[in-house]
Protein backbone atom coordinates (compact mmCIF):
# COMPACT_ATOMS: atom_id res chain seq x y z
CA UNK A 1 0.00 0.00 0.00
CA UNK A 2 2.81 2.47 0.78
CA UNK A 3 4.32 1.95 -2.67
CA UNK A 4 0.95 2.86 -4.17
CA UNK A 5 1.05 6.39 -2.77
CA UNK A 6 4.82 6.92 -3.14
CA UNK A 7 4.59 8.70 -6.55
CA UNK A 8 1.84 11.03 -5.27
CA UNK A 9 3.91 11.85 -2.18
CA UNK A 10 7.00 12.53 -4.29
CA UNK A 11 4.96 14.80 -6.57
CA UNK A 12 3.60 16.70 -3.54
CA UNK A 13 7.15 17.21 -2.21
CA UNK A 14 8.25 18.53 -5.62
CA UNK A 15 5.34 20.98 -5.70
CA UNK A 16 6.11 22.19 -2.17
CA UNK A 17 9.79 22.71 -3.00
CA UNK A 18 8.85 24.64 -6.14
CA UNK A 19 6.41 26.78 -4.18
CA UNK A 20 9.11 27.46 -1.57
CA UNK A 21 11.54 28.74 -4.21
CA UNK A 22 8.84 30.98 -5.71
CA UNK A 23 7.80 32.42 -2.34
CA UNK A 24 11.40 33.04 -1.25
CA UNK A 25 12.18 34.90 -4.47
CA UNK A 26 8.99 36.96 -4.29
CA UNK A 27 9.62 37.96 -0.67
CA UNK A 28 13.27 38.85 -1.29
CA UNK A 29 12.47 40.93 -4.36
CA UNK A 30 10.01 43.24 -2.59
CA UNK A 31 11.00 46.88 -2.92
CA UNK A 32 8.12 48.70 -1.25
CA UNK A 33 7.79 49.83 2.34
CA UNK A 34 10.71 50.19 4.71
CA UNK A 35 13.07 47.89 2.87
CA UNK A 36 14.43 49.25 -0.42
CA UNK A 37 17.37 46.83 -0.80
CA UNK A 38 16.73 43.79 -2.95
CA UNK A 39 18.78 40.69 -2.20
CA UNK A 40 20.47 38.82 -5.02
CA UNK A 41 19.44 35.23 -5.63
CA UNK A 42 21.45 33.23 -3.11
CA UNK A 43 23.19 29.94 -3.75
CA UNK A 44 20.93 28.02 -1.35
CA UNK A 45 17.92 29.16 -3.39
CA UNK A 46 19.62 28.05 -6.61
CA UNK A 47 20.41 24.67 -5.06
CA UNK A 48 16.80 24.38 -3.83
CA UNK A 49 15.65 25.14 -7.38
CA UNK A 50 17.83 22.31 -8.73
CA UNK A 51 16.59 19.94 -6.02
CA UNK A 52 13.00 20.81 -6.90
CA UNK A 53 13.69 20.01 -10.56
CA UNK A 54 15.19 16.64 -9.69
CA UNK A 55 12.37 15.86 -7.29
CA UNK A 56 9.86 16.80 -9.99
CA UNK A 57 11.17 13.91 -12.09
CA UNK A 58 11.03 11.42 -9.22
CA UNK A 59 7.30 10.51 -9.36
CA UNK A 60 7.51 9.60 -13.03
CA UNK A 61 10.65 7.52 -12.50
CA UNK A 62 9.00 5.75 -9.56
CA UNK A 63 5.94 4.85 -11.64
CA UNK A 64 8.12 3.69 -14.54
CA UNK A 65 10.37 1.59 -12.32
CA UNK A 66 7.77 0.16 -9.91
CA UNK A 67 4.70 -0.13 -12.16
CA UNK A 68 4.41 -3.90 -11.47
CA UNK A 69 4.28 -3.34 -7.70
CA UNK A 70 1.72 -0.50 -7.79
CA UNK A 71 -1.92 -1.54 -7.50
CA UNK A 72 -4.12 -1.37 -10.61
CA UNK A 73 -6.40 1.49 -9.41
CA UNK A 74 -3.42 3.63 -8.44
CA UNK A 75 -1.53 2.84 -11.61
CA UNK A 76 -4.58 3.76 -13.70
CA UNK A 77 -4.90 7.03 -11.74
CA UNK A 78 -1.21 7.88 -12.29
CA UNK A 79 -1.47 7.13 -16.02
CA UNK A 80 -4.60 9.27 -16.34
CA UNK A 81 -3.15 12.20 -14.38
CA UNK A 82 0.42 11.95 -15.70
CA UNK A 83 0.14 14.71 -18.32
CA UNK A 84 -1.72 17.06 -15.99
CA UNK A 85 0.76 16.59 -13.17
CA UNK A 86 3.64 17.10 -15.62
CA UNK A 87 2.03 20.32 -16.84
CA UNK A 88 1.77 21.62 -13.27
CA UNK A 89 5.41 20.77 -12.57
CA UNK A 90 6.56 22.44 -15.81
CA UNK A 91 4.57 25.61 -15.06
CA UNK A 92 6.07 25.73 -11.57
CA UNK A 93 9.61 25.24 -12.93
CA UNK A 94 9.15 28.04 -15.46
CA UNK A 95 7.66 30.27 -12.74
CA UNK A 96 10.72 29.60 -10.58
CA UNK A 97 12.99 30.72 -13.39
CA UNK A 98 10.93 33.85 -14.01
CA UNK A 99 10.89 34.97 -10.37
CA UNK A 100 14.58 34.15 -9.92
CA UNK A 101 15.41 36.21 -13.01
CA UNK A 102 13.19 39.06 -11.84
CA UNK A 103 14.80 39.05 -8.39
CA UNK A 104 18.29 39.12 -9.94
CA UNK A 105 17.25 41.97 -12.24
CA UNK A 106 15.81 44.02 -9.36
CA UNK A 107 18.89 43.34 -7.22
CA UNK A 108 21.14 44.54 -10.03
CA UNK A 109 19.10 47.73 -10.45
CA UNK A 110 19.11 48.36 -6.69
CA UNK A 111 22.87 47.92 -6.62
CA UNK A 112 23.33 50.31 -9.55
CA UNK A 113 21.08 52.87 -7.85
CA UNK A 114 23.06 52.52 -4.61
CA UNK A 115 26.32 53.07 -6.46
CA UNK A 116 24.79 56.07 -8.23
CA UNK A 117 23.60 57.57 -4.94
CA UNK A 118 27.01 56.93 -3.39
CA UNK A 119 28.76 58.58 -6.34
CA UNK A 120 26.38 61.54 -6.24
CA UNK A 121 26.98 61.94 -2.51
CA UNK A 122 30.75 61.84 -3.08
CA UNK A 123 30.43 64.45 -5.84
CA UNK A 124 28.43 66.70 -3.53
CA UNK A 125 31.08 66.43 -0.81
CA UNK A 126 33.87 67.11 -3.31
CA UNK A 127 32.14 70.24 -4.67
CA UNK A 128 32.04 72.27 -1.48
CA UNK A 129 32.98 70.25 1.53
CA UNK A 130 36.77 70.57 1.51
CA UNK A 131 36.88 73.54 3.91
CA UNK A 132 39.56 75.57 2.03
CA UNK A 133 37.95 79.00 2.28
CA UNK A 134 41.25 80.94 1.97
CA UNK A 135 42.07 79.82 -1.60
CA UNK A 136 39.58 81.25 -4.07
CA UNK A 137 40.36 78.96 -6.99
CA UNK A 138 40.83 75.69 -5.09
CA UNK A 139 37.53 74.36 -6.37
CA UNK A 140 38.44 75.28 -9.99
CA UNK A 141 41.52 73.01 -10.09
CA UNK A 142 39.49 69.82 -9.67
CA UNK A 143 38.85 67.59 -12.67
CA UNK A 144 35.16 66.69 -12.92
CA UNK A 145 35.59 64.03 -15.61
CA UNK A 146 34.70 61.33 -13.05
CA UNK A 147 31.43 63.06 -12.19
CA UNK A 148 30.44 63.22 -15.85
CA UNK A 149 31.05 59.50 -16.28
CA UNK A 150 28.77 58.66 -13.36
CA UNK A 151 26.04 60.90 -14.76
CA UNK A 152 26.44 59.34 -18.23
CA UNK A 153 26.02 55.85 -16.75
CA UNK A 154 22.83 56.88 -14.98
CA UNK A 155 21.49 58.55 -18.14
CA UNK A 156 22.24 55.47 -20.25
CA UNK A 157 20.52 53.21 -17.71
CA UNK A 158 17.41 55.40 -17.61
CA UNK A 159 16.95 55.25 -21.40
C-alpha atoms as a PDB file:
ATOM      1  CA  UNK A   1       0.000   0.000   0.000  1.00  0.00           C
ATOM      2  CA  UNK A   2       2.808   2.468   0.785  1.00  0.00           C
ATOM      3  CA  UNK A   3       4.325   1.952  -2.668  1.00  0.00           C
ATOM      4  CA  UNK A   4       0.949   2.858  -4.169  1.00  0.00           C
ATOM      5  CA  UNK A   5       1.055   6.395  -2.767  1.00  0.00           C
ATOM      6  CA  UNK A   6       4.816   6.923  -3.137  1.00  0.00           C
ATOM      7  CA  UNK A   7       4.587   8.695  -6.546  1.00  0.00           C
ATOM      8  CA  UNK A   8       1.841  11.028  -5.268  1.00  0.00           C
ATOM      9  CA  UNK A   9       3.913  11.846  -2.185  1.00  0.00           C
ATOM     10  CA  UNK A  10       7.003  12.525  -4.288  1.00  0.00           C
ATOM     11  CA  UNK A  11       4.955  14.800  -6.566  1.00  0.00           C
ATOM     12  CA  UNK A  12       3.599  16.700  -3.541  1.00  0.00           C
ATOM     13  CA  UNK A  13       7.147  17.213  -2.212  1.00  0.00           C
ATOM     14  CA  UNK A  14       8.250  18.529  -5.624  1.00  0.00           C
ATOM     15  CA  UNK A  15       5.336  20.981  -5.705  1.00  0.00           C
ATOM     16  CA  UNK A  16       6.109  22.187  -2.170  1.00  0.00           C
ATOM     17  CA  UNK A  17       9.793  22.714  -2.998  1.00  0.00           C
ATOM     18  CA  UNK A  18       8.850  24.644  -6.137  1.00  0.00           C
ATOM     19  CA  UNK A  19       6.412  26.785  -4.184  1.00  0.00           C
ATOM     20  CA  UNK A  20       9.111  27.457  -1.566  1.00  0.00           C
ATOM     21  CA  UNK A  21      11.535  28.741  -4.213  1.00  0.00           C
ATOM     22  CA  UNK A  22       8.837  30.977  -5.707  1.00  0.00           C
ATOM     23  CA  UNK A  23       7.802  32.421  -2.339  1.00  0.00           C
ATOM     24  CA  UNK A  24      11.396  33.036  -1.246  1.00  0.00           C
ATOM     25  CA  UNK A  25      12.179  34.899  -4.469  1.00  0.00           C
ATOM     26  CA  UNK A  26       8.989  36.961  -4.294  1.00  0.00           C
ATOM     27  CA  UNK A  27       9.622  37.960  -0.673  1.00  0.00           C
ATOM     28  CA  UNK A  28      13.269  38.848  -1.289  1.00  0.00           C
ATOM     29  CA  UNK A  29      12.471  40.935  -4.358  1.00  0.00           C
ATOM     30  CA  UNK A  30      10.011  43.238  -2.587  1.00  0.00           C
ATOM     31  CA  UNK A  31      10.999  46.881  -2.915  1.00  0.00           C
ATOM     32  CA  UNK A  32       8.121  48.701  -1.254  1.00  0.00           C
ATOM     33  CA  UNK A  33       7.788  49.829   2.342  1.00  0.00           C
ATOM     34  CA  UNK A  34      10.711  50.192   4.711  1.00  0.00           C
ATOM     35  CA  UNK A  35      13.072  47.895   2.865  1.00  0.00           C
ATOM     36  CA  UNK A  36      14.430  49.245  -0.416  1.00  0.00           C
ATOM     37  CA  UNK A  37      17.366  46.832  -0.801  1.00  0.00           C
ATOM     38  CA  UNK A  38      16.729  43.785  -2.952  1.00  0.00           C
ATOM     39  CA  UNK A  39      18.783  40.693  -2.198  1.00  0.00           C
ATOM     40  CA  UNK A  40      20.468  38.822  -5.019  1.00  0.00           C
ATOM     41  CA  UNK A  41      19.438  35.226  -5.628  1.00  0.00           C
ATOM     42  CA  UNK A  42      21.452  33.231  -3.112  1.00  0.00           C
ATOM     43  CA  UNK A  43      23.191  29.944  -3.755  1.00  0.00           C
ATOM     44  CA  UNK A  44      20.928  28.018  -1.352  1.00  0.00           C
ATOM     45  CA  UNK A  45      17.917  29.164  -3.388  1.00  0.00           C
ATOM     46  CA  UNK A  46      19.617  28.054  -6.605  1.00  0.00           C
ATOM     47  CA  UNK A  47      20.408  24.669  -5.059  1.00  0.00           C
ATOM     48  CA  UNK A  48      16.805  24.380  -3.832  1.00  0.00           C
ATOM     49  CA  UNK A  49      15.653  25.136  -7.383  1.00  0.00           C
ATOM     50  CA  UNK A  50      17.829  22.307  -8.730  1.00  0.00           C
ATOM     51  CA  UNK A  51      16.587  19.937  -6.017  1.00  0.00           C
ATOM     52  CA  UNK A  52      12.998  20.809  -6.901  1.00  0.00           C
ATOM     53  CA  UNK A  53      13.689  20.008 -10.565  1.00  0.00           C
ATOM     54  CA  UNK A  54      15.194  16.637  -9.695  1.00  0.00           C
ATOM     55  CA  UNK A  55      12.369  15.857  -7.289  1.00  0.00           C
ATOM     56  CA  UNK A  56       9.859  16.803  -9.987  1.00  0.00           C
ATOM     57  CA  UNK A  57      11.171  13.914 -12.090  1.00  0.00           C
ATOM     58  CA  UNK A  58      11.027  11.423  -9.218  1.00  0.00           C
ATOM     59  CA  UNK A  59       7.296  10.507  -9.357  1.00  0.00           C
ATOM     60  CA  UNK A  60       7.515   9.597 -13.033  1.00  0.00           C
ATOM     61  CA  UNK A  61      10.648   7.525 -12.496  1.00  0.00           C
ATOM     62  CA  UNK A  62       9.003   5.749  -9.562  1.00  0.00           C
ATOM     63  CA  UNK A  63       5.944   4.854 -11.643  1.00  0.00           C
ATOM     64  CA  UNK A  64       8.125   3.692 -14.544  1.00  0.00           C
ATOM     65  CA  UNK A  65      10.367   1.586 -12.317  1.00  0.00           C
ATOM     66  CA  UNK A  66       7.769   0.160  -9.911  1.00  0.00           C
ATOM     67  CA  UNK A  67       4.702  -0.135 -12.160  1.00  0.00           C
ATOM     68  CA  UNK A  68       4.414  -3.900 -11.466  1.00  0.00           C
ATOM     69  CA  UNK A  69       4.277  -3.335  -7.702  1.00  0.00           C
ATOM     70  CA  UNK A  70       1.723  -0.497  -7.791  1.00  0.00           C
ATOM     71  CA  UNK A  71      -1.923  -1.536  -7.501  1.00  0.00           C
ATOM     72  CA  UNK A  72      -4.122  -1.374 -10.609  1.00  0.00           C
ATOM     73  CA  UNK A  73      -6.400   1.485  -9.411  1.00  0.00           C
ATOM     74  CA  UNK A  74      -3.424   3.634  -8.439  1.00  0.00           C
ATOM     75  CA  UNK A  75      -1.528   2.845 -11.614  1.00  0.00           C
ATOM     76  CA  UNK A  76      -4.578   3.760 -13.696  1.00  0.00           C
ATOM     77  CA  UNK A  77      -4.899   7.029 -11.744  1.00  0.00           C
ATOM     78  CA  UNK A  78      -1.212   7.878 -12.295  1.00  0.00           C
ATOM     79  CA  UNK A  79      -1.470   7.132 -16.019  1.00  0.00           C
ATOM     80  CA  UNK A  80      -4.599   9.269 -16.345  1.00  0.00           C
ATOM     81  CA  UNK A  81      -3.151  12.204 -14.381  1.00  0.00           C
ATOM     82  CA  UNK A  82       0.418  11.954 -15.702  1.00  0.00           C
ATOM     83  CA  UNK A  83       0.136  14.708 -18.323  1.00  0.00           C
ATOM     84  CA  UNK A  84      -1.724  17.059 -15.989  1.00  0.00           C
ATOM     85  CA  UNK A  85       0.759  16.588 -13.170  1.00  0.00           C
ATOM     86  CA  UNK A  86       3.641  17.102 -15.618  1.00  0.00           C
ATOM     87  CA  UNK A  87       2.026  20.324 -16.841  1.00  0.00           C
ATOM     88  CA  UNK A  88       1.768  21.623 -13.274  1.00  0.00           C
ATOM     89  CA  UNK A  89       5.407  20.772 -12.570  1.00  0.00           C
ATOM     90  CA  UNK A  90       6.561  22.445 -15.806  1.00  0.00           C
ATOM     91  CA  UNK A  91       4.570  25.611 -15.056  1.00  0.00           C
ATOM     92  CA  UNK A  92       6.073  25.725 -11.566  1.00  0.00           C
ATOM     93  CA  UNK A  93       9.611  25.240 -12.930  1.00  0.00           C
ATOM     94  CA  UNK A  94       9.148  28.045 -15.459  1.00  0.00           C
ATOM     95  CA  UNK A  95       7.662  30.274 -12.742  1.00  0.00           C
ATOM     96  CA  UNK A  96      10.717  29.595 -10.585  1.00  0.00           C
ATOM     97  CA  UNK A  97      12.989  30.715 -13.391  1.00  0.00           C
ATOM     98  CA  UNK A  98      10.933  33.847 -14.015  1.00  0.00           C
ATOM     99  CA  UNK A  99      10.886  34.974 -10.370  1.00  0.00           C
ATOM    100  CA  UNK A 100      14.584  34.154  -9.921  1.00  0.00           C
ATOM    101  CA  UNK A 101      15.414  36.210 -13.015  1.00  0.00           C
ATOM    102  CA  UNK A 102      13.189  39.064 -11.836  1.00  0.00           C
ATOM    103  CA  UNK A 103      14.805  39.048  -8.390  1.00  0.00           C
ATOM    104  CA  UNK A 104      18.287  39.116  -9.939  1.00  0.00           C
ATOM    105  CA  UNK A 105      17.249  41.967 -12.236  1.00  0.00           C
ATOM    106  CA  UNK A 106      15.813  44.020  -9.358  1.00  0.00           C
ATOM    107  CA  UNK A 107      18.894  43.344  -7.222  1.00  0.00           C
ATOM    108  CA  UNK A 108      21.135  44.542 -10.026  1.00  0.00           C
ATOM    109  CA  UNK A 109      19.101  47.730 -10.446  1.00  0.00           C
ATOM    110  CA  UNK A 110      19.112  48.356  -6.690  1.00  0.00           C
ATOM    111  CA  UNK A 111      22.874  47.920  -6.624  1.00  0.00           C
ATOM    112  CA  UNK A 112      23.326  50.312  -9.548  1.00  0.00           C
ATOM    113  CA  UNK A 113      21.082  52.870  -7.847  1.00  0.00           C
ATOM    114  CA  UNK A 114      23.060  52.518  -4.606  1.00  0.00           C
ATOM    115  CA  UNK A 115      26.319  53.070  -6.464  1.00  0.00           C
ATOM    116  CA  UNK A 116      24.786  56.065  -8.228  1.00  0.00           C
ATOM    117  CA  UNK A 117      23.596  57.574  -4.945  1.00  0.00           C
ATOM    118  CA  UNK A 118      27.005  56.929  -3.388  1.00  0.00           C
ATOM    119  CA  UNK A 119      28.757  58.583  -6.336  1.00  0.00           C
ATOM    120  CA  UNK A 120      26.380  61.541  -6.242  1.00  0.00           C
ATOM    121  CA  UNK A 121      26.984  61.937  -2.510  1.00  0.00           C
ATOM    122  CA  UNK A 122      30.750  61.843  -3.077  1.00  0.00           C
ATOM    123  CA  UNK A 123      30.428  64.449  -5.837  1.00  0.00           C
ATOM    124  CA  UNK A 124      28.435  66.698  -3.527  1.00  0.00           C
ATOM    125  CA  UNK A 125      31.078  66.433  -0.809  1.00  0.00           C
ATOM    126  CA  UNK A 126      33.873  67.114  -3.314  1.00  0.00           C
ATOM    127  CA  UNK A 127      32.142  70.240  -4.671  1.00  0.00           C
ATOM    128  CA  UNK A 128      32.044  72.270  -1.483  1.00  0.00           C
ATOM    129  CA  UNK A 129      32.976  70.245   1.534  1.00  0.00           C
ATOM    130  CA  UNK A 130      36.771  70.572   1.510  1.00  0.00           C
ATOM    131  CA  UNK A 131      36.879  73.541   3.909  1.00  0.00           C
ATOM    132  CA  UNK A 132      39.555  75.569   2.032  1.00  0.00           C
ATOM    133  CA  UNK A 133      37.953  79.002   2.280  1.00  0.00           C
ATOM    134  CA  UNK A 134      41.249  80.939   1.967  1.00  0.00           C
ATOM    135  CA  UNK A 135      42.074  79.816  -1.595  1.00  0.00           C
ATOM    136  CA  UNK A 136      39.577  81.252  -4.065  1.00  0.00           C
ATOM    137  CA  UNK A 137      40.364  78.962  -6.989  1.00  0.00           C
ATOM    138  CA  UNK A 138      40.833  75.689  -5.087  1.00  0.00           C
ATOM    139  CA  UNK A 139      37.530  74.360  -6.372  1.00  0.00           C
ATOM    140  CA  UNK A 140      38.437  75.282  -9.989  1.00  0.00           C
ATOM    141  CA  UNK A 141      41.517  73.015 -10.088  1.00  0.00           C
ATOM    142  CA  UNK A 142      39.487  69.821  -9.674  1.00  0.00           C
ATOM    143  CA  UNK A 143      38.854  67.589 -12.667  1.00  0.00           C
ATOM    144  CA  UNK A 144      35.160  66.686 -12.915  1.00  0.00           C
ATOM    145  CA  UNK A 145      35.594  64.032 -15.606  1.00  0.00           C
ATOM    146  CA  UNK A 146      34.696  61.333 -13.048  1.00  0.00           C
ATOM    147  CA  UNK A 147      31.429  63.055 -12.190  1.00  0.00           C
ATOM    148  CA  UNK A 148      30.436  63.225 -15.849  1.00  0.00           C
ATOM    149  CA  UNK A 149      31.050  59.504 -16.284  1.00  0.00           C
ATOM    150  CA  UNK A 150      28.768  58.656 -13.356  1.00  0.00           C
ATOM    151  CA  UNK A 151      26.042  60.896 -14.760  1.00  0.00           C
ATOM    152  CA  UNK A 152      26.436  59.342 -18.228  1.00  0.00           C
ATOM    153  CA  UNK A 153      26.019  55.853 -16.747  1.00  0.00           C
ATOM    154  CA  UNK A 154      22.833  56.883 -14.979  1.00  0.00           C
ATOM    155  CA  UNK A 155      21.487  58.555 -18.140  1.00  0.00           C
ATOM    156  CA  UNK A 156      22.236  55.467 -20.247  1.00  0.00           C
ATOM    157  CA  UNK A 157      20.523  53.212 -17.708  1.00  0.00           C
ATOM    158  CA  UNK A 158      17.405  55.395 -17.607  1.00  0.00           C
ATOM    159  CA  UNK A 159      16.949  55.246 -21.399  1.00  0.00           C
END
